[in-house]
C-alpha atoms as a PDB file:
ATOM      1  CA  UNK A   1     140.374-109.851  17.718  1.00  0.00           C
ATOM      2  CA  UNK A   2     143.417-111.002  19.657  1.00  0.00           C
ATOM      3  CA  UNK A   3     142.943-113.419  22.531  1.00  0.00           C
ATOM      4  CA  UNK A   4     145.192-115.167  24.998  1.00  0.00           C
ATOM      5  CA  UNK A   5     144.607-118.929  25.210  1.00  0.00           C
ATOM      6  CA  UNK A   6     141.498-118.428  23.013  1.00  0.00           C
ATOM      7  CA  UNK A   7     139.567-117.127  25.978  1.00  0.00           C
ATOM      8  CA  UNK A   8     140.800-113.761  27.175  1.00  0.00           C
ATOM      9  CA  UNK A   9     140.200-110.538  25.232  1.00  0.00           C
ATOM     10  CA  UNK A  10     143.307-108.337  25.286  1.00  0.00           C
ATOM     11  CA  UNK A  11     141.910-105.305  23.443  1.00  0.00           C
ATOM     12  CA  UNK A  12     138.648-103.611  22.563  1.00  0.00           C
ATOM     13  CA  UNK A  13     137.589-102.016  19.290  1.00  0.00           C
ATOM     14  CA  UNK A  14     135.975 -98.580  19.652  1.00  0.00           C
ATOM     15  CA  UNK A  15     133.308 -97.850  17.037  1.00  0.00           C
ATOM     16  CA  UNK A  16     133.575 -94.107  17.707  1.00  0.00           C
ATOM     17  CA  UNK A  17     131.060 -91.387  16.983  1.00  0.00           C
ATOM     18  CA  UNK A  18     130.790 -92.119  13.262  1.00  0.00           C
ATOM     19  CA  UNK A  19     131.946 -94.582  10.605  1.00  0.00           C
ATOM     20  CA  UNK A  20     131.988 -91.955   7.835  1.00  0.00           C
ATOM     21  CA  UNK A  21     135.521 -90.786   7.005  1.00  0.00           C
ATOM     22  CA  UNK A  22     134.332 -87.334   5.890  1.00  0.00           C
ATOM     23  CA  UNK A  23     132.316 -86.826   9.070  1.00  0.00           C
ATOM     24  CA  UNK A  24     135.250 -88.014  11.179  1.00  0.00           C
ATOM     25  CA  UNK A  25     137.507 -85.357   9.621  1.00  0.00           C
ATOM     26  CA  UNK A  26     134.883 -82.699  10.339  1.00  0.00           C
ATOM     27  CA  UNK A  27     134.492 -83.916  13.927  1.00  0.00           C
ATOM     28  CA  UNK A  28     138.265 -83.926  14.311  1.00  0.00           C
ATOM     29  CA  UNK A  29     138.445 -80.223  13.446  1.00  0.00           C
ATOM     30  CA  UNK A  30     135.498 -79.403  15.738  1.00  0.00           C
ATOM     31  CA  UNK A  31     136.869 -81.301  18.730  1.00  0.00           C
ATOM     32  CA  UNK A  32     140.398 -79.949  18.229  1.00  0.00           C
ATOM     33  CA  UNK A  33     138.999 -76.436  18.570  1.00  0.00           C
ATOM     34  CA  UNK A  34     136.897 -77.436  21.590  1.00  0.00           C
ATOM     35  CA  UNK A  35     139.896 -79.100  23.228  1.00  0.00           C
ATOM     36  CA  UNK A  36     142.027 -75.990  22.703  1.00  0.00           C
ATOM     37  CA  UNK A  37     139.316 -73.896  24.372  1.00  0.00           C
ATOM     38  CA  UNK A  38     139.164 -76.379  27.265  1.00  0.00           C
ATOM     39  CA  UNK A  39     142.917 -76.346  27.844  1.00  0.00           C
ATOM     40  CA  UNK A  40     143.439 -72.595  27.423  1.00  0.00           C
ATOM     41  CA  UNK A  41     140.325 -71.621  29.410  1.00  0.00           C
ATOM     42  CA  UNK A  42     140.973 -73.879  32.376  1.00  0.00           C
ATOM     43  CA  UNK A  43     144.722 -73.198  32.509  1.00  0.00           C
ATOM     44  CA  UNK A  44     144.000 -69.460  32.441  1.00  0.00           C
ATOM     45  CA  UNK A  45     141.548 -69.792  35.336  1.00  0.00           C
ATOM     46  CA  UNK A  46     144.003 -71.896  37.337  1.00  0.00           C
ATOM     47  CA  UNK A  47     146.834 -69.395  36.830  1.00  0.00           C
ATOM     48  CA  UNK A  48     144.569 -66.449  37.620  1.00  0.00           C
ATOM     49  CA  UNK A  49     143.245 -67.929  40.871  1.00  0.00           C
ATOM     50  CA  UNK A  50     146.428 -69.564  42.130  1.00  0.00           C
ATOM     51  CA  UNK A  51     148.637 -66.508  41.496  1.00  0.00           C
ATOM     52  CA  UNK A  52     146.261 -64.010  43.111  1.00  0.00           C
ATOM     53  CA  UNK A  53     146.513 -64.042  46.896  1.00  0.00           C
ATOM     54  CA  UNK A  54     143.177 -62.221  47.287  1.00  0.00           C
ATOM     55  CA  UNK A  55     141.181 -64.692  45.165  1.00  0.00           C
ATOM     56  CA  UNK A  56     142.858 -67.694  46.736  1.00  0.00           C
ATOM     57  CA  UNK A  57     141.647 -66.610  50.179  1.00  0.00           C
ATOM     58  CA  UNK A  58     138.006 -66.599  49.049  1.00  0.00           C
ATOM     59  CA  UNK A  59     136.269 -70.003  49.249  1.00  0.00           C
ATOM     60  CA  UNK A  60     134.406 -69.655  45.938  1.00  0.00           C
ATOM     61  CA  UNK A  61     137.579 -69.024  43.928  1.00  0.00           C
ATOM     62  CA  UNK A  62     139.506 -71.652  45.859  1.00  0.00           C
ATOM     63  CA  UNK A  63     136.908 -74.188  44.706  1.00  0.00           C
ATOM     64  CA  UNK A  64     136.882 -72.771  41.165  1.00  0.00           C
ATOM     65  CA  UNK A  65     140.622 -73.303  40.844  1.00  0.00           C
ATOM     66  CA  UNK A  66     140.178 -76.967  41.720  1.00  0.00           C
ATOM     67  CA  UNK A  67     137.179 -77.240  39.397  1.00  0.00           C
ATOM     68  CA  UNK A  68     139.269 -75.977  36.475  1.00  0.00           C
ATOM     69  CA  UNK A  69     142.005 -78.480  37.328  1.00  0.00           C
ATOM     70  CA  UNK A  70     139.458 -81.318  37.379  1.00  0.00           C
ATOM     71  CA  UNK A  71     137.932 -80.168  34.080  1.00  0.00           C
ATOM     72  CA  UNK A  72     141.353 -80.049  32.443  1.00  0.00           C
ATOM     73  CA  UNK A  73     142.275 -83.529  33.663  1.00  0.00           C
ATOM     74  CA  UNK A  74     138.849 -84.986  32.845  1.00  0.00           C
ATOM     75  CA  UNK A  75     139.029 -83.811  29.242  1.00  0.00           C
ATOM     76  CA  UNK A  76     142.507 -85.361  28.899  1.00  0.00           C
ATOM     77  CA  UNK A  77     141.125 -88.812  29.760  1.00  0.00           C
ATOM     78  CA  UNK A  78     139.012 -89.172  26.615  1.00  0.00           C
ATOM     79  CA  UNK A  79     139.575 -86.335  24.118  1.00  0.00           C
ATOM     80  CA  UNK A  80     143.211 -86.979  23.013  1.00  0.00           C
ATOM     81  CA  UNK A  81     142.419 -90.652  22.332  1.00  0.00           C
ATOM     82  CA  UNK A  82     139.264 -89.666  20.456  1.00  0.00           C
ATOM     83  CA  UNK A  83     141.163 -87.142  18.318  1.00  0.00           C
ATOM     84  CA  UNK A  84     143.756 -89.755  17.404  1.00  0.00           C
ATOM     85  CA  UNK A  85     141.062 -92.284  16.511  1.00  0.00           C
ATOM     86  CA  UNK A  86     139.387 -89.802  14.141  1.00  0.00           C
ATOM     87  CA  UNK A  87     142.503 -89.975  11.936  1.00  0.00           C
ATOM     88  CA  UNK A  88     142.902 -93.737  11.793  1.00  0.00           C
ATOM     89  CA  UNK A  89     140.755 -96.596  10.629  1.00  0.00           C
ATOM     90  CA  UNK A  90     141.418 -99.042  13.457  1.00  0.00           C
ATOM     91  CA  UNK A  91     140.226 -97.639  16.771  1.00  0.00           C
ATOM     92  CA  UNK A  92     141.699-100.017  19.326  1.00  0.00           C
ATOM     93  CA  UNK A  93     142.364 -99.766  23.052  1.00  0.00           C
ATOM     94  CA  UNK A  94     144.104-102.393  25.180  1.00  0.00           C
ATOM     95  CA  UNK A  95     142.333-104.031  28.097  1.00  0.00           C
ATOM     96  CA  UNK A  96     144.674-102.346  30.599  1.00  0.00           C
ATOM     97  CA  UNK A  97     144.206 -99.020  28.796  1.00  0.00           C
ATOM     98  CA  UNK A  98     140.458 -99.502  28.999  1.00  0.00           C
ATOM     99  CA  UNK A  99     140.636-100.102  32.749  1.00  0.00           C
ATOM    100  CA  UNK A 100     142.844 -97.023  33.175  1.00  0.00           C
ATOM    101  CA  UNK A 101     140.342 -94.910  31.235  1.00  0.00           C
ATOM    102  CA  UNK A 102     137.477 -96.169  33.407  1.00  0.00           C
ATOM    103  CA  UNK A 103     139.461 -95.462  36.565  1.00  0.00           C
ATOM    104  CA  UNK A 104     140.436 -91.881  35.729  1.00  0.00           C
ATOM    105  CA  UNK A 105     137.074 -91.058  34.147  1.00  0.00           C
ATOM    106  CA  UNK A 106     135.163 -92.044  37.287  1.00  0.00           C
ATOM    107  CA  UNK A 107     137.809 -90.722  39.690  1.00  0.00           C
ATOM    108  CA  UNK A 108     137.807 -87.247  38.141  1.00  0.00           C
ATOM    109  CA  UNK A 109     134.109 -87.272  37.215  1.00  0.00           C
ATOM    110  CA  UNK A 110     132.910 -88.248  40.691  1.00  0.00           C
ATOM    111  CA  UNK A 111     135.314 -85.762  42.311  1.00  0.00           C
ATOM    112  CA  UNK A 112     133.891 -83.020  40.091  1.00  0.00           C
ATOM    113  CA  UNK A 113     130.295 -83.950  40.931  1.00  0.00           C
ATOM    114  CA  UNK A 114     131.066 -83.801  44.636  1.00  0.00           C
ATOM    115  CA  UNK A 115     132.958 -80.516  44.200  1.00  0.00           C
ATOM    116  CA  UNK A 116     130.026 -78.958  42.327  1.00  0.00           C
ATOM    117  CA  UNK A 117     127.797 -80.005  45.222  1.00  0.00           C
ATOM    118  CA  UNK A 118     130.221 -78.388  47.685  1.00  0.00           C
ATOM    119  CA  UNK A 119     130.243 -75.224  45.572  1.00  0.00           C
ATOM    120  CA  UNK A 120     126.440 -75.097  45.679  1.00  0.00           C
ATOM    121  CA  UNK A 121     126.629 -75.378  49.485  1.00  0.00           C
ATOM    122  CA  UNK A 122     129.224 -72.589  49.492  1.00  0.00           C
ATOM    123  CA  UNK A 123     126.845 -70.297  47.555  1.00  0.00           C
ATOM    124  CA  UNK A 124     124.012 -71.286  49.910  1.00  0.00           C
ATOM    125  CA  UNK A 125     126.062 -70.219  52.955  1.00  0.00           C
ATOM    126  CA  UNK A 126     127.256 -67.029  51.240  1.00  0.00           C
ATOM    127  CA  UNK A 127     123.714 -65.880  50.423  1.00  0.00           C
ATOM    128  CA  UNK A 128     121.835 -67.372  53.366  1.00  0.00           C
ATOM    129  CA  UNK A 129     124.313 -66.329  56.067  1.00  0.00           C
ATOM    130  CA  UNK A 130     126.522 -63.568  54.584  1.00  0.00           C
ATOM    131  CA  UNK A 131     127.677 -62.076  57.911  1.00  0.00           C
ATOM    132  CA  UNK A 132     129.223 -65.356  59.075  1.00  0.00           C
ATOM    133  CA  UNK A 133     130.194 -66.648  55.628  1.00  0.00           C
ATOM    134  CA  UNK A 134     133.980 -66.423  55.973  1.00  0.00           C
ATOM    135  CA  UNK A 135     133.827 -67.750  59.537  1.00  0.00           C
ATOM    136  CA  UNK A 136     131.810 -70.798  58.444  1.00  0.00           C
ATOM    137  CA  UNK A 137     133.652 -71.413  55.168  1.00  0.00           C
ATOM    138  CA  UNK A 138     137.135 -70.937  56.612  1.00  0.00           C
ATOM    139  CA  UNK A 139     140.222 -72.071  54.695  1.00  0.00           C
ATOM    140  CA  UNK A 140     140.694 -75.197  56.788  1.00  0.00           C
ATOM    141  CA  UNK A 141     137.133 -76.353  56.066  1.00  0.00           C
ATOM    142  CA  UNK A 142     137.582 -75.612  52.348  1.00  0.00           C
ATOM    143  CA  UNK A 143     140.722 -77.753  52.216  1.00  0.00           C
ATOM    144  CA  UNK A 144     138.924 -80.558  54.059  1.00  0.00           C
ATOM    145  CA  UNK A 145     135.948 -80.400  51.699  1.00  0.00           C
ATOM    146  CA  UNK A 146     138.180 -80.560  48.601  1.00  0.00           C
ATOM    147  CA  UNK A 147     140.117 -83.454  50.123  1.00  0.00           C
ATOM    148  CA  UNK A 148     136.818 -85.231  50.847  1.00  0.00           C
ATOM    149  CA  UNK A 149     135.793 -84.764  47.190  1.00  0.00           C
ATOM    150  CA  UNK A 150     139.021 -86.360  45.988  1.00  0.00           C
ATOM    151  CA  UNK A 151     138.644 -89.224  48.468  1.00  0.00           C
ATOM    152  CA  UNK A 152     135.024 -89.769  47.418  1.00  0.00           C
ATOM    153  CA  UNK A 153     136.065 -89.857  43.763  1.00  0.00           C
ATOM    154  CA  UNK A 154     138.832 -92.361  44.544  1.00  0.00           C
ATOM    155  CA  UNK A 155     136.506 -94.710  46.435  1.00  0.00           C
ATOM    156  CA  UNK A 156     133.882 -94.490  43.691  1.00  0.00           C
ATOM    157  CA  UNK A 157     136.447 -95.146  40.951  1.00  0.00           C
ATOM    158  CA  UNK A 158     138.058 -98.107  42.686  1.00  0.00           C
ATOM    159  CA  UNK A 159     134.599 -99.639  43.065  1.00  0.00           C
ATOM    160  CA  UNK A 160     133.910 -99.223  39.343  1.00  0.00           C
ATOM    161  CA  UNK A 161     137.210-100.797  38.306  1.00  0.00           C
ATOM    162  CA  UNK A 162     136.652-103.669  40.746  1.00  0.00           C
ATOM    163  CA  UNK A 163     133.292-104.392  39.102  1.00  0.00           C
ATOM    164  CA  UNK A 164     134.940-104.713  35.687  1.00  0.00           C
ATOM    165  CA  UNK A 165     138.297-106.329  36.392  1.00  0.00           C
ATOM    166  CA  UNK A 166     136.761-109.483  37.854  1.00  0.00           C
ATOM    167  CA  UNK A 167     134.661-110.204  34.747  1.00  0.00           C
ATOM    168  CA  UNK A 168     135.785-112.671  32.036  1.00  0.00           C
ATOM    169  CA  UNK A 169     135.796-111.369  28.441  1.00  0.00           C
ATOM    170  CA  UNK A 170     135.912-113.880  25.615  1.00  0.00           C
ATOM    171  CA  UNK A 171     134.327-111.942  22.746  1.00  0.00           C
ATOM    172  CA  UNK A 172     132.883-109.975  21.029  1.00  0.00           C
ATOM    173  CA  UNK A 173     135.116-106.997  21.757  1.00  0.00           C
ATOM    174  CA  UNK A 174     133.430-104.033  20.019  1.00  0.00           C
ATOM    175  CA  UNK A 175     132.385-101.029  22.117  1.00  0.00           C
ATOM    176  CA  UNK A 176     129.796 -98.712  20.562  1.00  0.00           C
ATOM    177  CA  UNK A 177     131.476 -95.611  21.976  1.00  0.00           C
ATOM    178  CA  UNK A 178     134.566 -93.413  21.635  1.00  0.00           C
ATOM    179  CA  UNK A 179     135.939 -94.399  25.051  1.00  0.00           C
ATOM    180  CA  UNK A 180     135.705 -97.171  27.639  1.00  0.00           C
ATOM    181  CA  UNK A 181     133.055 -96.993  30.328  1.00  0.00           C
ATOM    182  CA  UNK A 182     131.438 -99.491  32.654  1.00  0.00           C
ATOM    183  CA  UNK A 183     127.949 -99.774  31.050  1.00  0.00           C
ATOM    184  CA  UNK A 184     129.363-100.656  27.624  1.00  0.00           C
ATOM    185  CA  UNK A 185     132.217-102.881  28.828  1.00  0.00           C
ATOM    186  CA  UNK A 186     130.182-105.114  31.137  1.00  0.00           C
ATOM    187  CA  UNK A 187     127.811-105.894  28.253  1.00  0.00           C
ATOM    188  CA  UNK A 188     130.693-107.785  26.609  1.00  0.00           C
ATOM    189  CA  UNK A 189     131.323-110.075  29.589  1.00  0.00           C
ATOM    190  CA  UNK A 190     130.856-113.815  29.113  1.00  0.00           C
ATOM    191  CA  UNK A 191     128.786-114.195  32.299  1.00  0.00           C
ATOM    192  CA  UNK A 192     125.486-112.933  33.623  1.00  0.00           C
ATOM    193  CA  UNK A 193     126.024-109.319  34.712  1.00  0.00           C
ATOM    194  CA  UNK A 194     122.710-108.728  36.501  1.00  0.00           C
ATOM    195  CA  UNK A 195     124.333-108.169  39.921  1.00  0.00           C
ATOM    196  CA  UNK A 196     127.117-106.031  38.420  1.00  0.00           C
ATOM    197  CA  UNK A 197     124.611-103.764  36.674  1.00  0.00           C
ATOM    198  CA  UNK A 198     122.585-103.357  39.863  1.00  0.00           C
ATOM    199  CA  UNK A 199     125.774-102.414  41.722  1.00  0.00           C
ATOM    200  CA  UNK A 200     126.608 -99.939  38.949  1.00  0.00           C
ATOM    201  CA  UNK A 201     123.221 -98.274  39.417  1.00  0.00           C
ATOM    202  CA  UNK A 202     123.679 -98.166  43.200  1.00  0.00           C
ATOM    203  CA  UNK A 203     127.132 -96.636  42.765  1.00  0.00           C
ATOM    204  CA  UNK A 204     127.238 -94.355  39.723  1.00  0.00           C
ATOM    205  CA  UNK A 205     123.510 -93.847  39.214  1.00  0.00           C
ATOM    206  CA  UNK A 206     122.620 -92.908  42.769  1.00  0.00           C
ATOM    207  CA  UNK A 207     125.750 -90.755  43.170  1.00  0.00           C
ATOM    208  CA  UNK A 208     124.754 -88.725  40.110  1.00  0.00           C
ATOM    209  CA  UNK A 209     121.105 -88.485  41.154  1.00  0.00           C
ATOM    210  CA  UNK A 210     121.738 -87.558  44.810  1.00  0.00           C
ATOM    211  CA  UNK A 211     124.321 -84.888  43.936  1.00  0.00           C
ATOM    212  CA  UNK A 212     121.985 -83.464  41.296  1.00  0.00           C
ATOM    213  CA  UNK A 213     119.042 -83.317  43.708  1.00  0.00           C
ATOM    214  CA  UNK A 214     121.205 -81.642  46.376  1.00  0.00           C
ATOM    215  CA  UNK A 215     122.317 -79.079  43.795  1.00  0.00           C
ATOM    216  CA  UNK A 216     118.756 -78.371  42.714  1.00  0.00           C
ATOM    217  CA  UNK A 217     117.665 -78.000  46.343  1.00  0.00           C
ATOM    218  CA  UNK A 218     120.567 -75.638  47.113  1.00  0.00           C
ATOM    219  CA  UNK A 219     119.834 -73.387  44.147  1.00  0.00           C
ATOM    220  CA  UNK A 220     116.114 -73.437  44.936  1.00  0.00           C
ATOM    221  CA  UNK A 221     116.855 -72.231  48.486  1.00  0.00           C
ATOM    222  CA  UNK A 222     119.216 -69.591  47.098  1.00  0.00           C
ATOM    223  CA  UNK A 223     116.561 -68.264  44.726  1.00  0.00           C
ATOM    224  CA  UNK A 224     113.915 -68.202  47.483  1.00  0.00           C
ATOM    225  CA  UNK A 225     116.343 -66.354  49.774  1.00  0.00           C
ATOM    226  CA  UNK A 226     117.126 -63.800  47.085  1.00  0.00           C
ATOM    227  CA  UNK A 227     113.428 -63.302  46.418  1.00  0.00           C
ATOM    228  CA  UNK A 228     112.496 -62.721  50.058  1.00  0.00           C
ATOM    229  CA  UNK A 229     115.545 -60.784  51.335  1.00  0.00           C
ATOM    230  CA  UNK A 230     117.029 -58.874  48.455  1.00  0.00           C
ATOM    231  CA  UNK A 231     115.234 -56.744  45.905  1.00  0.00           C
ATOM    232  CA  UNK A 232     118.234 -55.236  44.178  1.00  0.00           C
ATOM    233  CA  UNK A 233     120.262 -57.372  41.789  1.00  0.00           C
ATOM    234  CA  UNK A 234     117.627 -60.101  41.561  1.00  0.00           C
ATOM    235  CA  UNK A 235     117.800 -60.307  37.763  1.00  0.00           C
ATOM    236  CA  UNK A 236     121.599 -60.634  37.809  1.00  0.00           C
ATOM    237  CA  UNK A 237     121.485 -63.285  40.531  1.00  0.00           C
ATOM    238  CA  UNK A 238     118.734 -65.143  38.707  1.00  0.00           C
ATOM    239  CA  UNK A 239     120.766 -65.063  35.495  1.00  0.00           C
ATOM    240  CA  UNK A 240     123.840 -66.369  37.326  1.00  0.00           C
ATOM    241  CA  UNK A 241     121.897 -69.219  38.965  1.00  0.00           C
ATOM    242  CA  UNK A 242     120.268 -70.102  35.646  1.00  0.00           C
ATOM    243  CA  UNK A 243     123.640 -70.307  33.880  1.00  0.00           C
ATOM    244  CA  UNK A 244     125.083 -72.407  36.717  1.00  0.00           C
ATOM    245  CA  UNK A 245     122.120 -74.793  36.594  1.00  0.00           C
ATOM    246  CA  UNK A 246     122.450 -75.096  32.827  1.00  0.00           C
ATOM    247  CA  UNK A 247     126.075 -76.222  33.045  1.00  0.00           C
ATOM    248  CA  UNK A 248     125.350 -78.477  36.019  1.00  0.00           C
ATOM    249  CA  UNK A 249     122.500 -80.095  34.079  1.00  0.00           C
ATOM    250  CA  UNK A 250     124.837 -80.809  31.155  1.00  0.00           C
ATOM    251  CA  UNK A 251     126.951 -83.035  33.371  1.00  0.00           C
ATOM    252  CA  UNK A 252     124.345 -84.547  35.694  1.00  0.00           C
ATOM    253  CA  UNK A 253     121.418 -85.249  33.342  1.00  0.00           C
ATOM    254  CA  UNK A 254     123.498 -87.382  30.915  1.00  0.00           C
ATOM    255  CA  UNK A 255     125.091 -89.236  33.844  1.00  0.00           C
ATOM    256  CA  UNK A 256     121.699 -89.970  35.404  1.00  0.00           C
ATOM    257  CA  UNK A 257     120.384 -91.070  31.990  1.00  0.00           C
ATOM    258  CA  UNK A 258     123.311 -93.454  31.389  1.00  0.00           C
ATOM    259  CA  UNK A 259     124.102 -94.829  34.849  1.00  0.00           C
ATOM    260  CA  UNK A 260     120.636 -95.012  36.396  1.00  0.00           C
ATOM    261  CA  UNK A 261     119.354 -97.258  33.608  1.00  0.00           C
ATOM    262  CA  UNK A 262     120.616-100.848  33.915  1.00  0.00           C
ATOM    263  CA  UNK A 263     120.185-103.806  31.557  1.00  0.00           C
ATOM    264  CA  UNK A 264     119.994-101.748  28.360  1.00  0.00           C
ATOM    265  CA  UNK A 265     122.138 -99.339  26.376  1.00  0.00           C
ATOM    266  CA  UNK A 266     121.432 -97.126  23.382  1.00  0.00           C
ATOM    267  CA  UNK A 267     123.658 -95.793  20.620  1.00  0.00           C
ATOM    268  CA  UNK A 268     122.655 -92.275  21.699  1.00  0.00           C
ATOM    269  CA  UNK A 269     124.532 -92.826  24.981  1.00  0.00           C
ATOM    270  CA  UNK A 270     127.829 -91.848  23.347  1.00  0.00           C
ATOM    271  CA  UNK A 271     126.286 -88.573  22.186  1.00  0.00           C
ATOM    272  CA  UNK A 272     125.185 -87.827  25.756  1.00  0.00           C
ATOM    273  CA  UNK A 273     128.707 -88.691  26.905  1.00  0.00           C
ATOM    274  CA  UNK A 274     130.102 -85.822  24.832  1.00  0.00           C
ATOM    275  CA  UNK A 275     128.309 -83.362  27.123  1.00  0.00           C
ATOM    276  CA  UNK A 276     130.112 -84.309  30.325  1.00  0.00           C
ATOM    277  CA  UNK A 277     133.468 -85.233  28.755  1.00  0.00           C
ATOM    278  CA  UNK A 278     133.851 -82.254  26.380  1.00  0.00           C
ATOM    279  CA  UNK A 279     131.095 -79.633  26.544  1.00  0.00           C
ATOM    280  CA  UNK A 280     130.977 -79.156  30.331  1.00  0.00           C
ATOM    281  CA  UNK A 281     134.778 -78.783  30.790  1.00  0.00           C
ATOM    282  CA  UNK A 282     134.648 -76.136  28.061  1.00  0.00           C
ATOM    283  CA  UNK A 283     131.699 -74.202  29.508  1.00  0.00           C
ATOM    284  CA  UNK A 284     132.681 -74.220  33.186  1.00  0.00           C
ATOM    285  CA  UNK A 285     135.399 -71.534  32.846  1.00  0.00           C
ATOM    286  CA  UNK A 286     133.038 -69.356  30.810  1.00  0.00           C
ATOM    287  CA  UNK A 287     130.072 -69.661  33.146  1.00  0.00           C
ATOM    288  CA  UNK A 288     131.716 -69.733  36.567  1.00  0.00           C
ATOM    289  CA  UNK A 289     134.595 -67.315  36.193  1.00  0.00           C
ATOM    290  CA  UNK A 290     135.063 -65.382  32.975  1.00  0.00           C
ATOM    291  CA  UNK A 291     131.799 -63.488  33.614  1.00  0.00           C
ATOM    292  CA  UNK A 292     133.010 -62.549  37.096  1.00  0.00           C
ATOM    293  CA  UNK A 293     134.336 -59.044  37.738  1.00  0.00           C
ATOM    294  CA  UNK A 294     136.894 -60.188  40.337  1.00  0.00           C
ATOM    295  CA  UNK A 295     138.344 -62.732  37.943  1.00  0.00           C
ATOM    296  CA  UNK A 296     138.520 -60.208  35.110  1.00  0.00           C
ATOM    297  CA  UNK A 297     140.401 -57.808  37.373  1.00  0.00           C
ATOM    298  CA  UNK A 298     142.801 -60.568  38.439  1.00  0.00           C
ATOM    299  CA  UNK A 299     143.364 -61.502  34.783  1.00  0.00           C
ATOM    300  CA  UNK A 300     144.279 -57.895  33.971  1.00  0.00           C
ATOM    301  CA  UNK A 301     146.788 -57.908  36.847  1.00  0.00           C
ATOM    302  CA  UNK A 302     148.242 -61.198  35.588  1.00  0.00           C
ATOM    303  CA  UNK A 303     148.570 -59.779  32.067  1.00  0.00           C
ATOM    304  CA  UNK A 304     150.252 -56.593  33.322  1.00  0.00           C
ATOM    305  CA  UNK A 305     152.632 -58.670  35.435  1.00  0.00           C
ATOM    306  CA  UNK A 306     153.494 -60.811  32.396  1.00  0.00           C
ATOM    307  CA  UNK A 307     154.017 -57.749  30.178  1.00  0.00           C
ATOM    308  CA  UNK A 308     156.233 -56.126  32.817  1.00  0.00           C
ATOM    309  CA  UNK A 309     158.365 -59.249  33.217  1.00  0.00           C
ATOM    310  CA  UNK A 310     158.760 -59.499  29.425  1.00  0.00           C
ATOM    311  CA  UNK A 311     159.902 -55.877  29.274  1.00  0.00           C
ATOM    312  CA  UNK A 312     162.518 -56.488  31.989  1.00  0.00           C
ATOM    313  CA  UNK A 313     163.812 -59.514  30.104  1.00  0.00           C
ATOM    314  CA  UNK A 314     164.200 -57.472  26.895  1.00  0.00           C
ATOM    315  CA  UNK A 315     166.084 -54.745  28.762  1.00  0.00           C
END
């Protein structure tokens, strides 16, 4: 462990997901494939939505384009570093790199949580008040809501970094995880972190819990509305809501489990972290868009446009 003036830790050692070299090679192959799916899936959704004027005018797809962008960026915060660490024995991250990872993880993660909540509200308006849907969810409001999500993520992230940067670290410097996050880092501080952990719960824990409860309430209202107003297409709508709730649970349940529980940490926390840093960014394109007929049609148009342009180039 390197220190400055024998008191200040300048780097942290990441213990990773496993200490077995054979298992690390296997995990490397698995996560490389998952990362490729994340990048290709989310980039495809972004190109499809942002190059189709019809989809871009619809609030749901406007939000989905931003969700794919957030998923792509969120996966880039932790996965490339994790893949590199699988292939080397010393898994080290500098103190400044650790702070940067915490900042971007919480900035993008909180923005995505807020955006998912906005998307649930969008579905609630679309099903509960379909005749006035486009009037209520106009483009100006959609832009304002997305901007508010980014601002909320920024404020949340700055608060998290502020909690960590003021703490003294004098050893040990081992983090039982594959990335830096507030719950693990503050455990290594040389001072009593009782107040910091309470603030972490009030910030990250309550944000995760409140957004999750709002989502559950929105989908519950949607299902009740579908049951009372519409008889046709109930099974399809129920299937769609169930798949949405499954993906939403994969990001919110681990966050609630990790951030709403101060004063203790478990080795299983890093396994839960995989769900919202890798699994959810991979599943979101599949669940929210690739099963959608409008998106499939737009993808066909994009492919035809690409094929046509290639033919013109060859000529």
